[in-house]
Amino acid sequence: MFLEGASEFSPAIIRAVRPGVLGRTVSAMQNGLNMLLQMAEDAGLNDPEHLVTIFGAEDVDPKYQLWDKEKKGLYEAASNVLAGPSSASPKATFVAQLETFCKHTRDLNKRYTTRVMEVLQHRIGSEMADLRKPKATRRVVRTSSKRSSTIKPAKAPAKKAAKPRRKAS
């Protein structure tokens, strides 16, 4: 939304927006960001168990603090644009804050995506190793209510007792 150079909300494009139109553009940007954050929330991207799996328990708070600081700064700069008269001063402040927000968001996104890919690679590698075991020694067992499953060794099937043969008369 912000990080692509051709995005209507990138710092380069916002810098080119006329002051009289800036309020509408900033309002649309806020609405888009709110919608994006709601979609992320609905998808479970903020669930603590996902964040701990991706970043580890020790590394989550600093990321929350940085994100909250940058988001707050962007929203405050946007509020100043929306509340004040159309002039170059709030626009310059807003563009500077947007650039800072993008810089930190880009870094957070890269770290998040990198860690997600590492976790997936590890998980897929582990499951592939389990799948290479002979079929008779594995079974799929649901380990939680989520849509993940784990391969566990199967119990050997019980042997049926042989029926006694009748003697021919």
Foldseek 3Di string as FASTA:
>chain_A
DAQDPPDCNHLVNLVVDALVCNLVSLVVVVVVVVVVVVVCVVVVVPPPVNCCLQPNPVPPVVLVVVLVVLVVLLVVLSVCSNPDHRDVVSSVSNSVSSVVSNVSVVVVVVSRVVSVVVSVVVVVVVQVVLVPPDPQQWDWDCPDPDPDIDIHGDDHDDDDDDDDDDDDD
